[in-house]
Amino acid sequence: MNVLYLTYDGLLDPLGQSQILPYLYGLAQRLGVAFDIVSFEKAERRSHEAALRQELLRFEIRWHPLSFTRKPPILSKAYDAWRFFWAAEQVVRTRPIDFLHARSYVGGWVAHRISQRYGKPWLFDMRGFWADERRETRAWPPGHLFYEQLYAIWKKRERIMLRSASHVIVLTQAAKTFLIQAGIPAEKISIIPCVADYDHFQPYFAQRTLYRQRLNLPPDAYVLGYLGSIGALYEVKEMLRFFQVLQRLRADTYMVFFTPASAETVYAYADAVGVPRERLRVSFIPRAEVPLWCSVMDTSIIFCRPGFSRIGSFPTRVAEVLAMNIPIVMQADLGDNRLLAQQVEGIYLCESFTTQAYERVAQLLLDAQHQNGLSSPRHTSQALLSLPIGLSRYEQVYKQLKLAPQRLA
């Protein structure tokens, strides 16, 4: 089985390391898939390119990295799109590709065009509703003529890609339900949430005291933690307001941010909310060390910006913190959170971004601490969110696409 994988995300990015490569390695081993990958790599990470290329060779993966272009802002995206299509076309012309697997919309549009020209079936791994997400986070500001047109173009392309693709992957049942209501056949859609490697994300609570010392945290303090990037998608101020409520209920409460963002970025949010800087710890940690450092947490938290696009969201770090047996606080109206909370222990849902909702959940957290670890997020989530579960679902889709008829070019 020969597959061309297209992604505008980089394999050297944290997302590529956690949400792309584990799947591709697993599919290469389980199904004998021979991958060609076209990805866009950022200059600041290319120092690790040689090491990754050696790793890919072990799985007989052919990698065609392109440089990610940032300037000028608009023309650079058009330039990248042209190079993306050109690189994909060269692979299709020279390799016996059975089908294409495109991650998100930029890769999806390239796969659609290749499919139309060469008759190849393709998999639209759409993840979430990207165009709506760009608008709702004001990356494409509503009311701005250019971005209104750009949004309209990509929403039209979204409809075309959903019809053109042989199969579609979404992250949530909520997204699948919406697509079915929009006329996409149910049998054409698979749900594969962001899973985690439970062998890697192990609980290391025996290391808690040591790593708390390294962060200058009191050994018996209550520690709320955030893991991941910081940007327009995330409600950092609301997470800090939740922390304030928790701190009022328990004075010896601290908050740690394990993030690529700078400490000053986090402190700016804290200053705006009124959280003392001395109650925060901010650090970047490589993926290999995440389980050790996260041992300092009593609870994790993630709040995302509300909006339509959130029905399709499943943040990558949810499965990771659950795998480490750490409870998590989330908003109720994100993706499949309500359903997930019914199935997995240790998920605490805030019905709204209000002090009243925060007080209710914060008290539940403190009450649960007296149960001496009876909750088991890792055990109850593993059957839903572990890497083998995600791999088995991708296997089913790949087997279907292997048998999919070639299109008339």
Protein backbone atom coordinates (compact mmCIF):
# COMPACT_ATOMS: atom_id res chain seq x y z
CA MET A 1 0.00 0.00 0.00
CA ASN A 2 1.60 3.27 -1.16
CA VAL A 3 0.26 6.46 0.41
CA LEU A 4 1.14 10.11 -0.13
CA TYR A 5 0.67 12.00 3.15
CA LEU A 6 0.21 15.78 2.87
CA THR A 7 0.50 18.14 5.82
CA TYR A 8 1.13 21.87 6.15
CA ASP A 9 2.18 21.17 9.74
CA GLY A 10 5.78 20.18 10.28
CA LEU A 11 6.93 16.75 11.36
CA LEU A 12 9.47 18.57 13.52
CA ASP A 13 6.70 20.53 15.28
CA PRO A 14 5.42 19.24 18.63
CA LEU A 15 2.13 18.44 16.91
CA GLY A 16 3.94 16.43 14.26
CA GLN A 17 5.78 14.47 16.93
CA SER A 18 2.62 13.66 18.92
CA GLN A 19 -0.24 13.54 16.40
CA ILE A 20 1.28 12.58 13.04
CA LEU A 21 4.36 10.39 13.39
CA PRO A 22 2.99 7.85 15.92
CA TYR A 23 0.11 7.07 13.55
CA LEU A 24 2.35 6.78 10.49
CA TYR A 25 4.86 4.55 12.26
CA GLY A 26 2.04 2.32 13.47
CA LEU A 27 0.43 2.06 10.03
CA ALA A 28 3.79 1.36 8.41
CA GLN A 29 4.35 -1.53 10.84
CA ARG A 30 0.82 -2.93 10.95
CA LEU A 31 -0.19 -2.64 7.30
CA GLY A 32 3.16 -2.34 5.56
CA VAL A 33 2.25 1.11 4.26
CA ALA A 34 4.99 2.79 2.24
CA PHE A 35 4.62 6.51 2.94
CA ASP A 36 5.78 9.53 1.03
CA ILE A 37 5.33 12.64 3.19
CA VAL A 38 5.25 16.26 2.07
CA SER A 39 5.42 18.62 5.05
CA PHE A 40 6.39 22.22 5.77
CA GLU A 41 9.19 22.68 8.30
CA LYS A 42 10.01 25.84 10.22
CA ALA A 43 13.57 27.16 10.07
CA GLU A 44 14.05 27.21 13.84
CA ARG A 45 13.45 23.45 14.06
CA ARG A 46 15.42 22.19 11.08
CA SER A 47 18.51 21.55 13.17
CA HIS A 48 16.77 18.29 14.14
CA GLU A 49 16.07 17.30 10.53
CA ALA A 50 18.95 14.84 10.13
CA ALA A 51 17.96 12.88 13.25
CA LEU A 52 14.34 12.65 12.13
CA ARG A 53 15.36 11.56 8.64
CA GLN A 54 17.31 8.65 10.14
CA GLU A 55 14.29 7.71 12.24
CA LEU A 56 12.00 7.79 9.20
CA LEU A 57 14.34 5.50 7.29
CA ARG A 58 13.73 2.79 9.90
CA PHE A 59 10.10 2.75 8.77
CA GLU A 60 11.01 3.14 5.08
CA ILE A 61 9.27 6.51 4.95
CA ARG A 62 10.27 8.89 2.17
CA TRP A 63 10.22 12.49 3.37
CA HIS A 64 9.96 15.56 1.16
CA PRO A 65 10.26 18.54 3.57
CA LEU A 66 9.60 22.06 2.31
CA SER A 67 10.52 25.27 4.11
CA PHE A 68 7.63 27.06 5.82
CA THR A 69 7.37 30.62 4.49
CA ARG A 70 6.24 33.50 6.74
CA LYS A 71 6.93 36.68 4.75
CA PRO A 72 5.38 38.53 3.08
CA PRO A 73 2.23 37.48 5.03
CA ILE A 74 -0.26 36.90 2.18
CA LEU A 75 2.02 36.18 -0.77
CA SER A 76 3.96 33.63 1.28
CA LYS A 77 0.85 31.49 1.69
CA ALA A 78 0.17 31.54 -2.05
CA TYR A 79 3.81 30.63 -2.67
CA ASP A 80 3.61 27.73 -0.20
CA ALA A 81 0.38 26.49 -1.81
CA TRP A 82 2.03 26.46 -5.24
CA ARG A 83 5.07 24.55 -3.91
CA PHE A 84 2.79 22.15 -2.01
CA PHE A 85 0.93 21.16 -5.17
CA TRP A 86 4.14 20.94 -7.21
CA ALA A 87 5.84 18.65 -4.66
CA ALA A 88 2.78 16.41 -4.35
CA GLU A 89 2.47 16.17 -8.12
CA GLN A 90 6.09 15.10 -8.48
CA VAL A 91 5.52 12.22 -6.06
CA VAL A 92 2.35 11.08 -7.85
CA ARG A 93 4.14 11.19 -11.21
CA THR A 94 7.10 9.13 -10.01
CA ARG A 95 5.61 6.75 -7.42
CA PRO A 96 2.77 4.18 -7.68
CA ILE A 97 0.49 5.97 -5.17
CA ASP A 98 -2.69 4.12 -4.16
CA PHE A 99 -4.32 7.09 -2.41
CA LEU A 100 -3.57 10.39 -0.69
CA HIS A 101 -4.01 11.22 3.01
CA ALA A 102 -4.37 14.97 3.62
CA ARG A 103 -4.26 16.53 7.06
CA SER A 104 -6.52 19.58 7.42
CA TYR A 105 -7.59 22.06 4.77
CA VAL A 106 -4.42 23.27 3.07
CA GLY A 107 -3.25 19.73 2.41
CA GLY A 108 -6.83 18.76 1.61
CA TRP A 109 -7.12 21.27 -1.21
CA VAL A 110 -3.87 19.98 -2.73
CA ALA A 111 -5.15 16.39 -2.45
CA HIS A 112 -8.45 17.36 -4.08
CA ARG A 113 -6.65 18.95 -7.04
CA ILE A 114 -4.33 15.95 -7.43
CA SER A 115 -7.37 13.66 -7.26
CA GLN A 116 -9.09 15.61 -10.01
CA ARG A 117 -6.02 15.56 -12.24
CA TYR A 118 -4.76 12.00 -11.66
CA GLY A 119 -7.85 10.11 -10.55
CA LYS A 120 -6.49 9.14 -7.12
CA PRO A 121 -8.84 8.57 -4.17
CA TRP A 122 -8.04 10.64 -1.11
CA LEU A 123 -8.69 10.83 2.62
CA PHE A 124 -9.73 14.19 4.07
CA ASP A 125 -8.41 14.17 7.64
CA MET A 126 -10.20 17.47 8.26
CA ARG A 127 -9.69 17.50 12.04
CA GLY A 128 -11.94 20.50 12.82
CA PHE A 129 -13.63 23.39 11.05
CA TRP A 130 -10.48 25.31 10.18
CA ALA A 131 -11.96 28.29 8.31
CA ASP A 132 -14.45 28.97 11.11
CA GLU A 133 -11.69 28.60 13.66
CA ARG A 134 -9.59 31.21 11.86
CA ARG A 135 -12.52 33.60 11.85
CA GLU A 136 -13.55 33.02 15.45
CA THR A 137 -10.02 33.56 16.76
CA ARG A 138 -9.85 36.74 14.63
CA ALA A 139 -6.89 35.47 12.63
CA TRP A 140 -9.30 36.35 9.81
CA PRO A 141 -11.18 39.29 11.39
CA PRO A 142 -14.92 39.44 10.60
CA GLY A 143 -15.85 42.60 8.71
CA HIS A 144 -12.47 42.91 7.02
CA LEU A 145 -13.12 42.75 3.27
CA PHE A 146 -10.09 40.65 2.36
CA TYR A 147 -10.58 38.14 5.17
CA GLU A 148 -14.32 37.92 4.53
CA GLN A 149 -13.49 36.90 0.96
CA LEU A 150 -10.82 34.48 2.15
CA TYR A 151 -13.30 32.91 4.57
CA ALA A 152 -15.90 32.55 1.78
CA ILE A 153 -13.30 30.92 -0.50
CA TRP A 154 -12.31 28.32 2.09
CA LYS A 155 -15.91 27.56 3.08
CA LYS A 156 -16.64 26.89 -0.59
CA ARG A 157 -13.54 24.72 -0.79
CA GLU A 158 -14.66 22.91 2.37
CA ARG A 159 -17.92 21.90 0.67
CA ILE A 160 -16.04 20.78 -2.45
CA MET A 161 -13.52 18.74 -0.43
CA LEU A 162 -16.22 17.02 1.62
CA ARG A 163 -17.87 15.86 -1.60
CA SER A 164 -14.62 15.04 -3.40
CA ALA A 165 -12.93 12.98 -0.66
CA SER A 166 -13.43 9.23 -0.59
CA HIS A 167 -13.53 9.35 3.22
CA VAL A 168 -13.55 12.04 5.92
CA ILE A 169 -12.09 11.93 9.43
CA VAL A 170 -13.29 14.19 12.25
CA LEU A 171 -12.36 14.38 15.91
CA THR A 172 -15.81 14.36 17.51
CA GLN A 173 -19.28 12.87 17.31
CA ALA A 174 -20.61 16.44 17.36
CA ALA A 175 -18.73 17.20 14.13
CA LYS A 176 -19.96 14.01 12.48
CA THR A 177 -23.55 14.79 13.41
CA PHE A 178 -23.23 18.26 11.88
CA LEU A 179 -21.76 16.87 8.64
CA ILE A 180 -24.51 14.27 8.35
CA GLN A 181 -27.10 17.03 8.73
CA ALA A 182 -25.25 18.90 5.97
CA GLY A 183 -25.73 15.94 3.63
CA ILE A 184 -22.48 13.97 3.95
CA PRO A 185 -23.21 10.20 4.14
CA ALA A 186 -22.62 8.79 7.62
CA GLU A 187 -20.69 5.81 6.24
CA LYS A 188 -18.20 8.24 4.68
CA ILE A 189 -17.22 9.73 8.06
CA SER A 190 -15.04 8.24 10.79
CA ILE A 191 -14.37 9.69 14.25
CA ILE A 192 -10.78 9.48 15.46
CA PRO A 193 -10.09 11.76 18.46
CA CYS A 194 -6.62 12.95 19.40
CA VAL A 195 -5.19 9.96 21.24
CA ALA A 196 -2.02 9.57 23.30
CA ASP A 197 0.79 7.06 23.60
CA TYR A 198 -0.04 5.61 27.04
CA ASP A 199 3.35 3.85 27.13
CA HIS A 200 5.06 7.23 26.97
CA PHE A 201 2.65 9.29 29.11
CA GLN A 202 3.01 7.29 32.29
CA PRO A 203 2.19 8.58 35.79
CA TYR A 204 5.36 9.44 37.69
CA PHE A 205 3.94 10.55 41.02
CA ALA A 206 6.94 9.08 42.86
CA GLN A 207 8.92 11.95 41.31
CA ARG A 208 6.50 14.63 42.52
CA THR A 209 8.62 15.89 45.44
CA LEU A 210 11.82 16.11 43.39
CA TYR A 211 10.23 18.03 40.51
CA ARG A 212 8.31 20.31 42.86
CA GLN A 213 11.63 21.20 44.45
CA ARG A 214 13.05 22.03 41.02
CA LEU A 215 10.15 24.43 40.44
CA ASN A 216 10.37 25.86 43.96
CA LEU A 217 6.89 24.60 44.79
CA PRO A 218 5.92 23.66 48.37
CA PRO A 219 5.70 19.86 48.69
CA ASP A 220 2.11 19.88 49.99
CA ALA A 221 0.69 22.72 47.88
CA TYR A 222 -2.23 22.23 45.50
CA VAL A 223 -0.95 22.64 41.93
CA LEU A 224 -3.11 23.40 38.91
CA GLY A 225 -1.35 22.86 35.58
CA TYR A 226 -1.64 23.87 31.94
CA LEU A 227 0.17 21.89 29.25
CA GLY A 228 0.59 23.13 25.69
CA SER A 229 0.84 26.20 23.51
CA ILE A 230 -0.79 29.54 24.21
CA GLY A 231 -2.59 31.48 21.51
CA ALA A 232 -5.88 32.83 20.24
CA LEU A 233 -7.53 29.40 20.53
CA TYR A 234 -7.18 29.31 24.30
CA GLU A 235 -8.89 31.26 27.07
CA VAL A 236 -5.83 31.92 29.20
CA LYS A 237 -7.49 34.68 31.23
CA GLU A 238 -10.42 32.43 32.10
CA MET A 239 -8.07 29.66 33.20
CA LEU A 240 -6.32 32.16 35.45
CA ARG A 241 -9.68 33.31 36.83
CA PHE A 242 -10.47 29.70 37.67
CA PHE A 243 -7.12 29.53 39.43
CA GLN A 244 -8.05 32.63 41.45
CA VAL A 245 -11.26 30.93 42.62
CA LEU A 246 -9.37 27.77 43.52
CA GLN A 247 -6.83 29.82 45.44
CA ARG A 248 -9.56 31.52 47.46
CA LEU A 249 -10.81 28.11 48.53
CA ARG A 250 -7.31 26.83 49.27
CA ALA A 251 -4.63 29.41 49.98
CA ASP A 252 -1.59 27.23 49.17
CA THR A 253 -2.50 26.84 45.50
CA TYR A 254 -0.04 27.41 42.64
CA MET A 255 -0.34 27.19 38.86
CA VAL A 256 2.27 25.83 36.43
CA PHE A 257 2.39 26.47 32.69
CA PHE A 258 4.40 23.97 30.64
CA THR A 259 4.37 25.82 27.34
CA PRO A 260 6.60 26.98 24.46
CA ALA A 261 5.34 30.52 25.16
CA SER A 262 7.59 32.91 27.05
CA ALA A 263 7.13 33.56 30.75
CA GLU A 264 6.42 37.21 29.97
CA THR A 265 3.51 36.18 27.74
CA VAL A 266 1.94 34.26 30.61
CA TYR A 267 2.71 37.02 33.12
CA ALA A 268 0.98 39.58 30.90
CA TYR A 269 -2.24 37.56 31.12
CA ALA A 270 -1.74 37.15 34.87
CA ASP A 271 -1.22 40.89 35.37
CA ALA A 272 -4.42 41.62 33.45
CA VAL A 273 -6.41 39.25 35.67
CA GLY A 274 -4.68 40.17 38.93
CA VAL A 275 -2.92 36.89 39.66
CA PRO A 276 0.37 37.38 41.56
CA ARG A 277 3.35 36.31 39.47
CA GLU A 278 4.93 34.54 42.44
CA ARG A 279 2.09 32.03 42.38
CA LEU A 280 2.95 30.97 38.81
CA ARG A 281 5.66 28.80 37.33
CA VAL A 282 6.33 28.91 33.58
CA SER A 283 8.64 26.51 31.77
CA PHE A 284 9.12 24.78 28.44
CA ILE A 285 9.76 21.05 28.60
CA PRO A 286 10.60 18.66 25.75
CA ARG A 287 8.08 15.92 25.00
CA ALA A 288 10.34 13.20 26.41
CA GLU A 289 10.26 14.85 29.86
CA VAL A 290 6.58 15.82 29.98
CA PRO A 291 5.44 12.89 32.18
CA LEU A 292 8.12 13.62 34.78
CA TRP A 293 7.40 17.33 35.07
CA CYS A 294 3.64 16.85 35.00
CA SER A 295 3.97 14.76 38.16
CA VAL A 296 3.87 18.08 40.06
CA MET A 297 0.21 18.62 39.06
CA ASP A 298 -2.82 17.79 41.15
CA THR A 299 -5.17 18.84 38.34
CA SER A 300 -4.82 20.15 34.79
CA ILE A 301 -7.00 22.64 32.95
CA ILE A 302 -7.79 23.72 29.42
CA PHE A 303 -10.36 26.30 28.29
CA CYS A 304 -10.82 27.11 24.60
CA ARG A 305 -12.42 30.11 22.92
CA PRO A 306 -16.15 29.41 22.37
CA GLY A 307 -17.63 29.34 18.86
CA PHE A 308 -19.13 27.09 16.21
CA SER A 309 -15.77 25.55 15.28
CA ARG A 310 -15.40 24.16 18.81
CA ILE A 311 -17.89 21.37 18.03
CA GLY A 312 -15.09 19.72 16.09
CA SER A 313 -12.34 20.25 18.69
CA PHE A 314 -10.49 17.66 20.73
CA PRO A 315 -7.34 19.26 22.20
CA THR A 316 -4.28 17.04 21.91
CA ARG A 317 -3.25 17.31 25.54
CA VAL A 318 -6.56 15.94 26.94
CA ALA A 319 -5.60 12.32 26.31
CA GLU A 320 -2.03 12.99 27.44
CA VAL A 321 -2.94 14.31 30.89
CA LEU A 322 -5.56 11.61 31.39
CA ALA A 323 -2.92 9.01 30.50
CA MET A 324 -0.76 10.46 33.27
CA ASN A 325 -3.70 9.90 35.66
CA ILE A 326 -4.20 13.64 36.14
CA PRO A 327 -7.77 15.00 36.39
CA ILE A 328 -8.69 17.79 33.97
CA VAL A 329 -11.00 20.81 34.08
CA MET A 330 -12.65 21.72 30.76
CA GLN A 331 -15.64 23.65 29.47
CA ALA A 332 -18.79 21.61 28.92
CA ASP A 333 -19.61 22.90 25.43
CA LEU A 334 -16.36 21.84 23.73
CA GLY A 335 -16.56 18.96 21.25
CA ASP A 336 -17.71 15.73 22.92
CA ASN A 337 -16.82 16.81 26.47
CA ARG A 338 -20.21 15.98 27.96
CA LEU A 339 -20.13 12.48 26.49
CA LEU A 340 -16.49 11.98 27.48
CA ALA A 341 -17.19 13.01 31.08
CA GLN A 342 -19.80 10.26 31.30
CA GLN A 343 -17.25 7.66 30.25
CA VAL A 344 -14.02 8.79 31.90
CA GLU A 345 -13.29 9.53 35.54
CA GLY A 346 -11.49 12.71 36.52
CA ILE A 347 -13.12 15.07 34.00
CA TYR A 348 -14.63 18.20 35.57
CA LEU A 349 -16.83 20.37 33.36
CA CYS A 350 -17.53 24.08 33.77
CA GLU A 351 -20.93 24.96 32.33
CA SER A 352 -19.89 28.57 31.77
CA PHE A 353 -16.98 30.96 32.22
CA THR A 354 -18.43 32.40 35.43
CA THR A 355 -17.32 32.64 39.06
CA GLN A 356 -20.29 30.53 40.14
CA ALA A 357 -19.36 27.71 37.75
CA TYR A 358 -15.72 27.92 38.82
CA GLU A 359 -16.62 27.74 42.52
CA ARG A 360 -18.68 24.61 41.98
CA VAL A 361 -15.93 22.78 40.08
CA ALA A 362 -13.13 24.01 42.35
CA GLN A 363 -14.96 22.66 45.38
CA LEU A 364 -15.46 19.32 43.63
CA LEU A 365 -11.72 19.15 42.99
CA LEU A 366 -10.83 19.82 46.60
CA ASP A 367 -13.43 17.34 47.84
CA ALA A 368 -12.07 14.68 45.47
CA GLN A 369 -8.57 15.15 46.88
CA HIS A 370 -9.77 13.60 50.13
CA GLN A 371 -10.66 10.38 48.29
CA ASN A 372 -6.95 9.47 48.23
CA GLY A 373 -6.64 8.87 44.52
CA LEU A 374 -9.67 6.61 44.07
CA SER A 375 -10.40 8.29 40.72
CA SER A 376 -8.59 6.67 37.80
CA PRO A 377 -8.52 8.88 34.69
CA ARG A 378 -5.82 6.69 33.09
CA HIS A 379 -7.67 3.41 33.52
CA THR A 380 -11.07 4.69 32.37
CA SER A 381 -9.74 6.65 29.38
CA GLN A 382 -7.33 4.08 27.96
CA ALA A 383 -9.97 2.10 26.09
CA LEU A 384 -11.08 5.30 24.34
CA LEU A 385 -8.01 7.47 23.89
CA SER A 386 -4.90 5.28 23.66
CA LEU A 387 -2.77 5.07 20.53
CA PRO A 388 -3.83 1.49 19.60
CA ILE A 389 -7.46 2.65 19.49
CA GLY A 390 -6.65 5.46 17.08
CA LEU A 391 -4.44 3.17 15.00
CA SER A 392 -7.14 0.51 14.67
CA ARG A 393 -9.58 3.11 13.33
CA TYR A 394 -7.05 4.41 10.82
CA GLU A 395 -6.39 0.81 9.76
CA GLN A 396 -10.06 0.32 8.94
CA VAL A 397 -10.13 3.49 6.84
CA TYR A 398 -6.90 2.61 5.02
CA LYS A 399 -8.20 -0.84 4.14
CA GLN A 400 -11.34 0.74 2.69
CA LEU A 401 -9.34 3.23 0.64
CA LYS A 402 -7.01 0.52 -0.66
CA LEU A 403 -10.08 -1.00 -2.28
CA ALA A 404 -11.52 2.33 -3.45
CA PRO A 405 -11.82 2.60 -7.24
CA GLN A 406 -9.57 5.02 -9.07
CA ARG A 407 -11.37 8.13 -10.29
CA LEU A 408 -11.53 9.08 -13.92
CA ALA A 409 -8.87 11.74 -14.31
